[in-house]
Amino acid sequence: MIRINLLLTKKSKGSAVSLKFGLPPYAIFVIAGIVAVLLIEGYAWYWLNSTKSYLANEKRTLDVRLAELKEKVKEVESYEKDKALYEQKIAIIQNLKKTQQGPVRVLDEVSRMLPERVWIISLKEKDGSIVVTGAGMTNDDIVKYVNNLKSSRIFQNVQLTESRQVTESGIPVYNFNLVFNINLESV
């Protein structure tokens, strides 16, 4: 019977590996380590390169988005400026309407309060204060006019500052000056 020894001896273990690759055992580990490091570095390079490409694309996309948003911000700022300008114009128009009605109401009220024998020579306004110069046939007519003005809701602090008798064309007439304030908000 023939016996075959399949177990390797110590000599044959080392020689089988070295015969197979033709390199000593430590060189195979070094080469495997170098290959592993190269594979890891290759994967790292590929990953970094793809990340760089992704980030560059993301940056381009964000730059385009930023440009769009800047245009929208300009439109909003333009809208806000226009809105402020229109609000200012509306306020001016409302103020003009308010002040436009004021003189008409004052003149209407001053003329409606006039008794028959009193007339106005001049009417001047300064800072909400009215100065009226006029004439009347008697002092009683002038006092009646002052009392009429005091009863008005538009006029406040009505004061007769002067009343004197003069003769015009041979007729005795009383000239007078009145001062009062205007309050159009109370109406």
N, C-alpha and C. Protein backbone atom coordinates (compact mmCIF):
# COMPACT_ATOMS: atom_id res chain seq x y z
N MET A 1 0.79 -1.14 0.00
CA MET A 1 0.00 0.00 0.00
C MET A 1 0.87 1.25 0.00
N ILE A 2 0.40 2.18 -0.66
CA ILE A 2 1.18 3.40 -0.81
C ILE A 2 0.59 4.45 0.12
N ARG A 3 1.47 5.07 0.79
CA ARG A 3 1.03 6.14 1.70
C ARG A 3 1.43 7.49 1.14
N ILE A 4 0.47 8.42 1.23
CA ILE A 4 0.75 9.77 0.77
C ILE A 4 0.57 10.68 1.99
N ASN A 5 1.55 11.41 2.23
CA ASN A 5 1.52 12.35 3.36
C ASN A 5 1.05 13.71 2.82
N LEU A 6 -0.13 14.08 3.23
CA LEU A 6 -0.69 15.35 2.76
C LEU A 6 -0.34 16.50 3.69
N LEU A 7 0.22 16.21 4.81
CA LEU A 7 0.59 17.25 5.74
C LEU A 7 1.91 17.86 5.31
N LEU A 8 1.95 19.08 5.37
CA LEU A 8 3.16 19.78 4.99
C LEU A 8 4.11 19.85 6.17
N THR A 9 5.28 19.82 5.86
CA THR A 9 6.28 19.97 6.89
C THR A 9 6.61 21.44 6.98
N LYS A 10 7.39 21.76 7.97
CA LYS A 10 7.72 23.16 8.18
C LYS A 10 8.46 23.71 6.98
N LYS A 11 9.28 22.99 6.38
CA LYS A 11 10.02 23.46 5.22
C LYS A 11 9.08 23.65 4.05
N SER A 12 8.19 22.77 3.91
CA SER A 12 7.33 22.84 2.75
C SER A 12 6.32 23.98 2.86
N LYS A 13 5.89 24.39 4.09
CA LYS A 13 4.95 25.50 4.23
C LYS A 13 5.55 26.76 3.67
N GLY A 14 6.71 27.10 4.05
CA GLY A 14 7.36 28.32 3.59
C GLY A 14 7.68 28.22 2.13
N SER A 15 8.09 27.12 1.67
CA SER A 15 8.48 26.99 0.28
C SER A 15 7.26 26.97 -0.63
N ALA A 16 6.08 26.49 -0.12
CA ALA A 16 4.88 26.47 -0.94
C ALA A 16 4.39 27.89 -1.19
N VAL A 17 4.42 28.74 -0.17
CA VAL A 17 3.98 30.11 -0.33
C VAL A 17 4.96 30.85 -1.21
N SER A 18 6.21 30.67 -1.00
CA SER A 18 7.19 31.38 -1.80
C SER A 18 7.19 30.87 -3.23
N LEU A 19 6.85 29.59 -3.42
CA LEU A 19 6.80 29.08 -4.77
C LEU A 19 5.58 29.60 -5.49
N LYS A 20 4.50 29.71 -4.78
CA LYS A 20 3.28 30.16 -5.39
C LYS A 20 3.42 31.58 -5.95
N PHE A 21 3.92 32.54 -5.19
CA PHE A 21 4.05 33.93 -5.63
C PHE A 21 5.48 34.30 -5.95
N GLY A 22 6.34 33.60 -5.52
CA GLY A 22 7.74 33.90 -5.75
C GLY A 22 8.24 35.03 -4.89
N LEU A 23 7.56 35.34 -3.80
CA LEU A 23 7.95 36.43 -2.90
C LEU A 23 7.96 35.92 -1.47
N PRO A 24 8.76 36.56 -0.66
CA PRO A 24 8.73 36.17 0.75
C PRO A 24 7.40 36.60 1.36
N PRO A 25 6.95 35.96 2.45
CA PRO A 25 5.65 36.24 3.03
C PRO A 25 5.48 37.70 3.47
N TYR A 26 6.45 38.35 4.01
CA TYR A 26 6.27 39.74 4.47
C TYR A 26 6.06 40.68 3.30
N ALA A 27 6.60 40.39 2.14
CA ALA A 27 6.45 41.25 0.96
C ALA A 27 5.00 41.22 0.49
N ILE A 28 4.36 40.06 0.62
CA ILE A 28 2.96 39.96 0.22
C ILE A 28 2.09 40.87 1.10
N PHE A 29 2.37 40.91 2.39
CA PHE A 29 1.63 41.80 3.29
C PHE A 29 1.88 43.27 2.96
N VAL A 30 3.09 43.60 2.63
CA VAL A 30 3.43 44.98 2.27
C VAL A 30 2.69 45.37 1.00
N ILE A 31 2.71 44.49 0.00
CA ILE A 31 2.03 44.77 -1.26
C ILE A 31 0.52 44.88 -1.02
N ALA A 32 -0.04 43.97 -0.22
CA ALA A 32 -1.47 44.04 0.09
C ALA A 32 -1.80 45.35 0.82
N GLY A 33 -0.93 45.79 1.73
CA GLY A 33 -1.14 47.05 2.44
C GLY A 33 -1.09 48.23 1.48
N ILE A 34 -0.11 48.21 0.56
CA ILE A 34 0.00 49.30 -0.42
C ILE A 34 -1.23 49.34 -1.31
N VAL A 35 -1.70 48.17 -1.76
CA VAL A 35 -2.89 48.10 -2.60
C VAL A 35 -4.10 48.62 -1.82
N ALA A 36 -4.22 48.22 -0.55
CA ALA A 36 -5.33 48.69 0.27
C ALA A 36 -5.29 50.20 0.43
N VAL A 37 -4.10 50.77 0.71
CA VAL A 37 -3.95 52.22 0.86
C VAL A 37 -4.30 52.91 -0.46
N LEU A 38 -3.85 52.36 -1.59
CA LEU A 38 -4.16 52.96 -2.88
C LEU A 38 -5.67 52.91 -3.16
N LEU A 39 -6.30 51.80 -2.81
CA LEU A 39 -7.74 51.71 -2.99
C LEU A 39 -8.48 52.73 -2.11
N ILE A 40 -8.05 52.86 -0.88
CA ILE A 40 -8.67 53.83 0.03
C ILE A 40 -8.45 55.25 -0.48
N GLU A 41 -7.21 55.55 -0.92
CA GLU A 41 -6.93 56.88 -1.45
C GLU A 41 -7.72 57.14 -2.73
N GLY A 42 -7.87 56.14 -3.59
CA GLY A 42 -8.65 56.28 -4.81
C GLY A 42 -10.11 56.57 -4.49
N TYR A 43 -10.64 55.82 -3.54
CA TYR A 43 -12.03 56.05 -3.14
C TYR A 43 -12.19 57.45 -2.53
N ALA A 44 -11.21 57.86 -1.69
CA ALA A 44 -11.26 59.18 -1.06
C ALA A 44 -11.18 60.27 -2.14
N TRP A 45 -10.29 60.06 -3.13
CA TRP A 45 -10.16 61.05 -4.22
C TRP A 45 -11.47 61.13 -4.99
N TYR A 46 -12.06 59.97 -5.32
CA TYR A 46 -13.33 59.95 -6.05
C TYR A 46 -14.42 60.63 -5.23
N TRP A 47 -14.51 60.33 -3.95
CA TRP A 47 -15.53 60.93 -3.09
C TRP A 47 -15.34 62.44 -2.99
N LEU A 48 -14.10 62.90 -2.77
CA LEU A 48 -13.83 64.34 -2.68
C LEU A 48 -14.12 65.03 -4.01
N ASN A 49 -13.76 64.38 -5.10
CA ASN A 49 -13.99 64.97 -6.42
C ASN A 49 -15.49 65.08 -6.69
N SER A 50 -16.27 64.06 -6.38
CA SER A 50 -17.71 64.13 -6.59
C SER A 50 -18.35 65.13 -5.63
N THR A 51 -17.87 65.23 -4.40
CA THR A 51 -18.37 66.23 -3.45
C THR A 51 -18.06 67.63 -3.96
N LYS A 52 -16.86 67.82 -4.48
CA LYS A 52 -16.47 69.13 -5.03
C LYS A 52 -17.39 69.48 -6.20
N SER A 53 -17.65 68.54 -7.08
CA SER A 53 -18.53 68.78 -8.23
C SER A 53 -19.94 69.10 -7.75
N TYR A 54 -20.44 68.35 -6.78
CA TYR A 54 -21.79 68.60 -6.23
C TYR A 54 -21.87 69.99 -5.62
N LEU A 55 -20.84 70.35 -4.83
CA LEU A 55 -20.84 71.66 -4.19
C LEU A 55 -20.73 72.78 -5.20
N ALA A 56 -19.96 72.57 -6.28
CA ALA A 56 -19.85 73.59 -7.33
C ALA A 56 -21.21 73.78 -8.01
N ASN A 57 -21.91 72.69 -8.29
CA ASN A 57 -23.25 72.79 -8.89
C ASN A 57 -24.22 73.47 -7.92
N GLU A 58 -24.13 73.11 -6.65
CA GLU A 58 -24.99 73.73 -5.63
C GLU A 58 -24.71 75.22 -5.54
N LYS A 59 -23.43 75.61 -5.62
CA LYS A 59 -23.07 77.03 -5.56
C LYS A 59 -23.65 77.77 -6.75
N ARG A 60 -23.55 77.19 -7.96
CA ARG A 60 -24.12 77.83 -9.14
C ARG A 60 -25.63 78.00 -8.99
N THR A 61 -26.29 76.97 -8.49
CA THR A 61 -27.73 77.03 -8.28
C THR A 61 -28.09 78.12 -7.27
N LEU A 62 -27.33 78.17 -6.18
CA LEU A 62 -27.59 79.18 -5.15
C LEU A 62 -27.28 80.59 -5.65
N ASP A 63 -26.25 80.73 -6.51
CA ASP A 63 -25.94 82.04 -7.08
C ASP A 63 -27.08 82.53 -7.97
N VAL A 64 -27.65 81.60 -8.76
CA VAL A 64 -28.79 81.97 -9.60
C VAL A 64 -29.97 82.37 -8.72
N ARG A 65 -30.22 81.60 -7.67
CA ARG A 65 -31.32 81.89 -6.74
C ARG A 65 -31.09 83.24 -6.06
N LEU A 66 -29.82 83.51 -5.68
CA LEU A 66 -29.49 84.78 -5.04
C LEU A 66 -29.75 85.94 -5.99
N ALA A 67 -29.39 85.79 -7.26
CA ALA A 67 -29.63 86.86 -8.23
C ALA A 67 -31.14 87.10 -8.37
N GLU A 68 -31.93 86.02 -8.40
CA GLU A 68 -33.39 86.17 -8.48
C GLU A 68 -33.93 86.89 -7.26
N LEU A 69 -33.43 86.51 -6.09
CA LEU A 69 -33.91 87.14 -4.85
C LEU A 69 -33.50 88.61 -4.79
N LYS A 70 -32.31 88.93 -5.30
CA LYS A 70 -31.88 90.33 -5.31
C LYS A 70 -32.81 91.16 -6.19
N GLU A 71 -33.23 90.60 -7.32
CA GLU A 71 -34.17 91.30 -8.19
C GLU A 71 -35.50 91.51 -7.48
N LYS A 72 -35.95 90.48 -6.76
CA LYS A 72 -37.21 90.62 -6.03
C LYS A 72 -37.09 91.65 -4.93
N VAL A 73 -35.93 91.69 -4.25
CA VAL A 73 -35.71 92.69 -3.19
C VAL A 73 -35.75 94.09 -3.79
N LYS A 74 -35.15 94.25 -4.98
CA LYS A 74 -35.20 95.56 -5.64
C LYS A 74 -36.63 95.94 -5.97
N GLU A 75 -37.43 94.96 -6.44
CA GLU A 75 -38.82 95.24 -6.75
C GLU A 75 -39.59 95.64 -5.48
N VAL A 76 -39.33 94.93 -4.39
CA VAL A 76 -40.01 95.25 -3.12
C VAL A 76 -39.61 96.63 -2.63
N GLU A 77 -38.31 96.94 -2.71
CA GLU A 77 -37.87 98.27 -2.28
C GLU A 77 -38.50 99.36 -3.15
N SER A 78 -38.57 99.09 -4.45
CA SER A 78 -39.21 100.06 -5.35
C SER A 78 -40.68 100.20 -4.99
N TYR A 79 -41.34 99.09 -4.71
CA TYR A 79 -42.75 99.13 -4.31
C TYR A 79 -42.92 99.92 -3.02
N GLU A 80 -42.04 99.68 -2.04
CA GLU A 80 -42.15 100.40 -0.76
C GLU A 80 -41.92 101.89 -0.94
N LYS A 81 -40.97 102.26 -1.81
CA LYS A 81 -40.75 103.68 -2.07
C LYS A 81 -41.98 104.30 -2.72
N ASP A 82 -42.53 103.59 -3.72
CA ASP A 82 -43.73 104.09 -4.39
C ASP A 82 -44.89 104.19 -3.40
N LYS A 83 -45.02 103.19 -2.54
CA LYS A 83 -46.11 103.19 -1.56
C LYS A 83 -45.97 104.39 -0.63
N ALA A 84 -44.73 104.62 -0.14
CA ALA A 84 -44.51 105.76 0.76
C ALA A 84 -44.81 107.08 0.03
N LEU A 85 -44.41 107.17 -1.23
CA LEU A 85 -44.67 108.37 -2.01
C LEU A 85 -46.17 108.57 -2.20
N TYR A 86 -46.89 107.50 -2.53
CA TYR A 86 -48.34 107.61 -2.71
C TYR A 86 -49.04 107.96 -1.40
N GLU A 87 -48.58 107.37 -0.29
CA GLU A 87 -49.18 107.71 1.00
C GLU A 87 -48.95 109.18 1.33
N GLN A 88 -47.76 109.67 1.00
CA GLN A 88 -47.47 111.08 1.23
C GLN A 88 -48.37 111.96 0.37
N LYS A 89 -48.55 111.57 -0.89
CA LYS A 89 -49.41 112.34 -1.78
C LYS A 89 -50.86 112.30 -1.31
N ILE A 90 -51.30 111.14 -0.85
CA ILE A 90 -52.67 111.02 -0.34
C ILE A 90 -52.87 111.91 0.88
N ALA A 91 -51.85 111.92 1.77
CA ALA A 91 -51.94 112.78 2.95
C ALA A 91 -52.01 114.25 2.55
N ILE A 92 -51.24 114.62 1.54
CA ILE A 92 -51.26 116.02 1.07
C ILE A 92 -52.63 116.35 0.49
N ILE A 93 -53.18 115.43 -0.30
CA ILE A 93 -54.49 115.67 -0.91
C ILE A 93 -55.57 115.78 0.17
N GLN A 94 -55.51 114.89 1.16
CA GLN A 94 -56.49 114.96 2.24
C GLN A 94 -56.36 116.26 3.02
N ASN A 95 -55.12 116.67 3.25
CA ASN A 95 -54.90 117.94 3.96
C ASN A 95 -55.42 119.12 3.12
N LEU A 96 -55.19 119.05 1.81
CA LEU A 96 -55.70 120.12 0.95
C LEU A 96 -57.23 120.16 0.96
N LYS A 97 -57.85 118.99 0.92
CA LYS A 97 -59.32 118.95 0.98
C LYS A 97 -59.82 119.54 2.28
N LYS A 98 -59.12 119.17 3.36
CA LYS A 98 -59.53 119.67 4.68
C LYS A 98 -59.36 121.19 4.75
N THR A 99 -58.21 121.68 4.30
CA THR A 99 -57.97 123.12 4.37
C THR A 99 -58.77 123.87 3.32
N GLN A 100 -59.16 123.18 2.25
CA GLN A 100 -59.98 123.83 1.24
C GLN A 100 -61.38 124.11 1.78
N GLN A 101 -61.89 123.21 2.54
CA GLN A 101 -63.23 123.39 3.09
C GLN A 101 -63.21 124.40 4.23
N GLY A 102 -62.08 124.54 4.89
CA GLY A 102 -61.99 125.44 6.04
C GLY A 102 -62.34 126.88 5.71
N PRO A 103 -61.65 127.50 4.75
CA PRO A 103 -61.96 128.89 4.44
C PRO A 103 -63.41 129.10 3.97
N VAL A 104 -63.92 128.15 3.21
CA VAL A 104 -65.30 128.28 2.74
C VAL A 104 -66.25 128.25 3.92
N ARG A 105 -66.02 127.34 4.84
CA ARG A 105 -66.89 127.23 6.01
C ARG A 105 -66.79 128.48 6.88
N VAL A 106 -65.55 128.97 7.04
CA VAL A 106 -65.35 130.17 7.87
C VAL A 106 -66.07 131.36 7.25
N LEU A 107 -65.88 131.57 5.94
CA LEU A 107 -66.54 132.71 5.29
C LEU A 107 -68.06 132.56 5.33
N ASP A 108 -68.53 131.35 5.15
CA ASP A 108 -69.98 131.12 5.21
C ASP A 108 -70.52 131.44 6.60
N GLU A 109 -69.83 130.96 7.62
CA GLU A 109 -70.28 131.17 9.00
C GLU A 109 -70.20 132.66 9.37
N VAL A 110 -69.11 133.33 8.96
CA VAL A 110 -68.96 134.76 9.26
C VAL A 110 -70.09 135.56 8.59
N SER A 111 -70.41 135.22 7.35
CA SER A 111 -71.45 135.99 6.64
C SER A 111 -72.85 135.67 7.16
N ARG A 112 -73.10 134.40 7.56
CA ARG A 112 -74.43 134.05 8.09
C ARG A 112 -74.69 134.72 9.44
N MET A 113 -73.65 134.99 10.20
CA MET A 113 -73.81 135.59 11.52
C MET A 113 -74.00 137.11 11.47
N LEU A 114 -73.78 137.70 10.31
CA LEU A 114 -73.88 139.17 10.19
C LEU A 114 -75.32 139.64 10.37
N PRO A 115 -75.53 140.62 11.27
CA PRO A 115 -76.84 141.27 11.35
C PRO A 115 -77.03 142.18 10.13
N GLU A 116 -78.23 142.70 9.95
CA GLU A 116 -78.55 143.50 8.76
C GLU A 116 -77.73 144.78 8.66
N ARG A 117 -77.46 145.43 9.73
CA ARG A 117 -76.82 146.74 9.66
C ARG A 117 -75.34 146.70 10.01
N VAL A 118 -74.71 145.52 9.76
CA VAL A 118 -73.26 145.36 9.98
C VAL A 118 -72.67 144.82 8.69
N TRP A 119 -71.49 145.32 8.34
CA TRP A 119 -70.80 144.82 7.15
C TRP A 119 -69.32 144.66 7.45
N ILE A 120 -68.69 143.81 6.67
CA ILE A 120 -67.27 143.49 6.87
C ILE A 120 -66.44 144.24 5.84
N ILE A 121 -65.37 144.87 6.32
CA ILE A 121 -64.45 145.59 5.44
C ILE A 121 -63.29 144.68 5.04
N SER A 122 -62.73 143.95 6.03
CA SER A 122 -61.63 143.03 5.70
C SER A 122 -61.64 141.85 6.66
N LEU A 123 -61.09 140.76 6.19
CA LEU A 123 -60.98 139.54 7.00
C LEU A 123 -59.61 138.94 6.70
N LYS A 124 -58.81 138.74 7.75
CA LYS A 124 -57.45 138.21 7.59
C LYS A 124 -57.27 137.01 8.52
N GLU A 125 -56.56 136.01 8.03
CA GLU A 125 -56.29 134.80 8.83
C GLU A 125 -54.78 134.63 8.98
N LYS A 126 -54.36 134.29 10.20
CA LYS A 126 -52.95 134.02 10.44
C LYS A 126 -52.85 133.00 11.56
N ASP A 127 -52.31 131.81 11.25
CA ASP A 127 -52.09 130.74 12.23
C ASP A 127 -53.36 130.37 13.00
N GLY A 128 -54.45 130.27 12.30
CA GLY A 128 -55.70 129.84 12.94
C GLY A 128 -56.42 130.95 13.66
N SER A 129 -55.92 132.16 13.59
CA SER A 129 -56.56 133.31 14.23
C SER A 129 -57.10 134.24 13.14
N ILE A 130 -58.32 134.67 13.32
CA ILE A 130 -58.98 135.53 12.32
C ILE A 130 -59.10 136.94 12.89
N VAL A 131 -58.78 137.94 12.05
CA VAL A 131 -58.96 139.35 12.40
C VAL A 131 -59.97 139.92 11.42
N VAL A 132 -61.08 140.41 11.97
CA VAL A 132 -62.16 140.97 11.15
C VAL A 132 -62.22 142.47 11.43
N THR A 133 -62.23 143.24 10.34
CA THR A 133 -62.44 144.69 10.43
C THR A 133 -63.76 144.96 9.73
N GLY A 134 -64.61 145.69 10.40
CA GLY A 134 -65.93 145.95 9.83
C GLY A 134 -66.53 147.23 10.36
N ALA A 135 -67.77 147.44 10.01
CA ALA A 135 -68.49 148.65 10.44
C ALA A 135 -69.94 148.29 10.69
N GLY A 136 -70.58 149.06 11.56
CA GLY A 136 -71.98 148.86 11.89
C GLY A 136 -72.64 150.19 12.15
N MET A 137 -73.94 150.16 12.07
CA MET A 137 -74.68 151.40 12.27
C MET A 137 -74.73 151.80 13.74
N THR A 138 -74.81 150.81 14.65
CA THR A 138 -74.83 151.11 16.09
C THR A 138 -73.94 150.13 16.82
N ASN A 139 -73.61 150.48 18.05
CA ASN A 139 -72.83 149.57 18.89
C ASN A 139 -73.65 148.31 19.20
N ASP A 140 -74.98 148.46 19.31
CA ASP A 140 -75.82 147.29 19.59
C ASP A 140 -75.74 146.28 18.45
N ASP A 141 -75.66 146.76 17.22
CA ASP A 141 -75.53 145.85 16.08
C ASP A 141 -74.19 145.10 16.14
N ILE A 142 -73.16 145.79 16.54
CA ILE A 142 -71.83 145.16 16.65
C ILE A 142 -71.84 144.13 17.77
N VAL A 143 -72.45 144.46 18.92
CA VAL A 143 -72.52 143.51 20.04
C VAL A 143 -73.34 142.29 19.63
N LYS A 144 -74.39 142.51 18.87
CA LYS A 144 -75.20 141.38 18.39
C LYS A 144 -74.35 140.46 17.50
N TYR A 145 -73.52 141.06 16.67
CA TYR A 145 -72.63 140.28 15.79
C TYR A 145 -71.62 139.48 16.62
N VAL A 146 -71.03 140.10 17.63
CA VAL A 146 -70.08 139.41 18.51
C VAL A 146 -70.76 138.24 19.20
N ASN A 147 -71.97 138.44 19.70
CA ASN A 147 -72.71 137.36 20.37
C ASN A 147 -73.05 136.23 19.40
N ASN A 148 -73.39 136.59 18.16
CA ASN A 148 -73.65 135.56 17.14
C ASN A 148 -72.39 134.71 16.89
N LEU A 149 -71.25 135.38 16.79
CA LEU A 149 -69.98 134.66 16.56
C LEU A 149 -69.63 133.76 17.75
N LYS A 150 -69.91 134.23 18.95
CA LYS A 150 -69.62 133.42 20.15
C LYS A 150 -70.50 132.17 20.20
N SER A 151 -71.69 132.24 19.64
CA SER A 151 -72.57 131.08 19.66
C SER A 151 -72.19 130.02 18.62
N SER A 152 -71.30 130.36 17.74
CA SER A 152 -70.88 129.43 16.68
C SER A 152 -69.96 128.34 17.26
N ARG A 153 -70.05 127.13 16.71
CA ARG A 153 -69.17 126.03 17.15
C ARG A 153 -67.80 126.11 16.48
N ILE A 154 -67.69 126.87 15.42
CA ILE A 154 -66.41 126.98 14.70
C ILE A 154 -65.48 127.99 15.35
N PHE A 155 -66.02 129.05 15.90
CA PHE A 155 -65.20 130.15 16.43
C PHE A 155 -65.06 130.04 17.94
N GLN A 156 -63.87 130.36 18.40
CA GLN A 156 -63.57 130.35 19.83
C GLN A 156 -62.86 131.65 20.20
N ASN A 157 -62.96 132.00 21.45
CA ASN A 157 -62.27 133.19 21.99
C ASN A 157 -62.58 134.46 21.17
N VAL A 158 -63.84 134.71 20.91
CA VAL A 158 -64.25 135.89 20.14
C VAL A 158 -64.09 137.12 21.04
N GLN A 159 -63.30 138.08 20.55
CA GLN A 159 -63.04 139.29 21.33
C GLN A 159 -63.20 140.52 20.44
N LEU A 160 -63.92 141.50 20.96
CA LEU A 160 -64.02 142.78 20.29
C LEU A 160 -62.85 143.62 20.78
N THR A 161 -61.90 143.91 19.90
CA THR A 161 -60.69 144.63 20.31
C THR A 161 -60.84 146.14 20.18
N GLU A 162 -61.73 146.59 19.28
CA GLU A 162 -61.87 148.04 19.11
C GLU A 162 -63.24 148.34 18.51
N SER A 163 -63.82 149.44 18.99
CA SER A 163 -65.07 149.96 18.42
C SER A 163 -65.03 151.47 18.59
N ARG A 164 -65.09 152.17 17.48
CA ARG A 164 -65.07 153.64 17.56
C ARG A 164 -65.99 154.23 16.52
N GLN A 165 -66.52 155.38 16.89
CA GLN A 165 -67.47 156.04 16.00
C GLN A 165 -66.72 156.97 15.06
N VAL A 166 -67.09 156.88 13.79
CA VAL A 166 -66.54 157.78 12.76
C VAL A 166 -67.71 158.28 11.91
N THR A 167 -67.46 159.34 11.19
CA THR A 167 -68.51 159.87 10.33
C THR A 167 -68.07 159.67 8.89
N GLU A 168 -68.91 158.98 8.12
CA GLU A 168 -68.63 158.76 6.70
C GLU A 168 -69.78 159.33 5.89
N SER A 169 -69.44 160.25 5.04
CA SER A 169 -70.46 160.92 4.19
C SER A 169 -71.57 161.52 5.03
N GLY A 170 -71.21 162.04 6.17
CA GLY A 170 -72.16 162.70 7.04
C GLY A 170 -73.01 161.75 7.86
N ILE A 171 -72.72 160.48 7.83
CA ILE A 171 -73.50 159.49 8.59
C ILE A 171 -72.59 158.92 9.67
N PRO A 172 -73.06 158.89 10.94
CA PRO A 172 -72.23 158.30 11.99
C PRO A 172 -72.23 156.77 11.85
N VAL A 173 -71.01 156.18 11.85
CA VAL A 173 -70.81 154.73 11.70
C VAL A 173 -69.81 154.29 12.76
N TYR A 174 -69.97 153.05 13.25
CA TYR A 174 -69.04 152.51 14.24
C TYR A 174 -68.13 151.47 13.54
N ASN A 175 -66.85 151.78 13.50
CA ASN A 175 -65.86 150.82 12.98
C ASN A 175 -65.43 149.90 14.12
N PHE A 176 -65.18 148.63 13.80
CA PHE A 176 -64.78 147.69 14.86
C PHE A 176 -63.73 146.71 14.32
N ASN A 177 -63.02 146.12 15.28
CA ASN A 177 -62.06 145.04 15.00
C ASN A 177 -62.38 143.87 15.93
N LEU A 178 -62.42 142.68 15.35
CA LEU A 178 -62.68 141.45 16.10
C LEU A 178 -61.52 140.49 15.90
N VAL A 179 -61.27 139.72 16.93
CA VAL A 179 -60.26 138.66 16.83
C VAL A 179 -60.88 137.39 17.40
N PHE A 180 -60.70 136.28 16.69
CA PHE A 180 -61.17 134.99 17.21
C PHE A 180 -60.37 133.86 16.56
N ASN A 181 -60.47 132.68 17.18
CA ASN A 181 -59.75 131.50 16.68
C ASN A 181 -60.71 130.56 15.97
N ILE A 182 -60.15 129.72 15.11
CA ILE A 182 -60.95 128.77 14.34
C ILE A 182 -60.69 127.37 14.89
N ASN A 183 -61.78 126.61 15.02
CA ASN A 183 -61.65 125.20 15.41
C ASN A 183 -62.58 124.38 14.52
N LEU A 184 -62.07 123.92 13.37
CA LEU A 184 -62.89 123.19 12.42
C LEU A 184 -63.09 121.74 12.83
N GLU A 185 -62.28 121.21 13.73
CA GLU A 185 -62.42 119.82 14.17
C GLU A 185 -63.66 119.60 15.02
N SER A 186 -64.13 120.64 15.65
CA SER A 186 -65.30 120.50 16.53
C SER A 186 -66.59 120.36 15.75
N VAL A 187 -66.55 120.59 14.46
CA VAL A 187 -67.78 120.51 13.65
C VAL A 187 -67.87 119.14 13.01
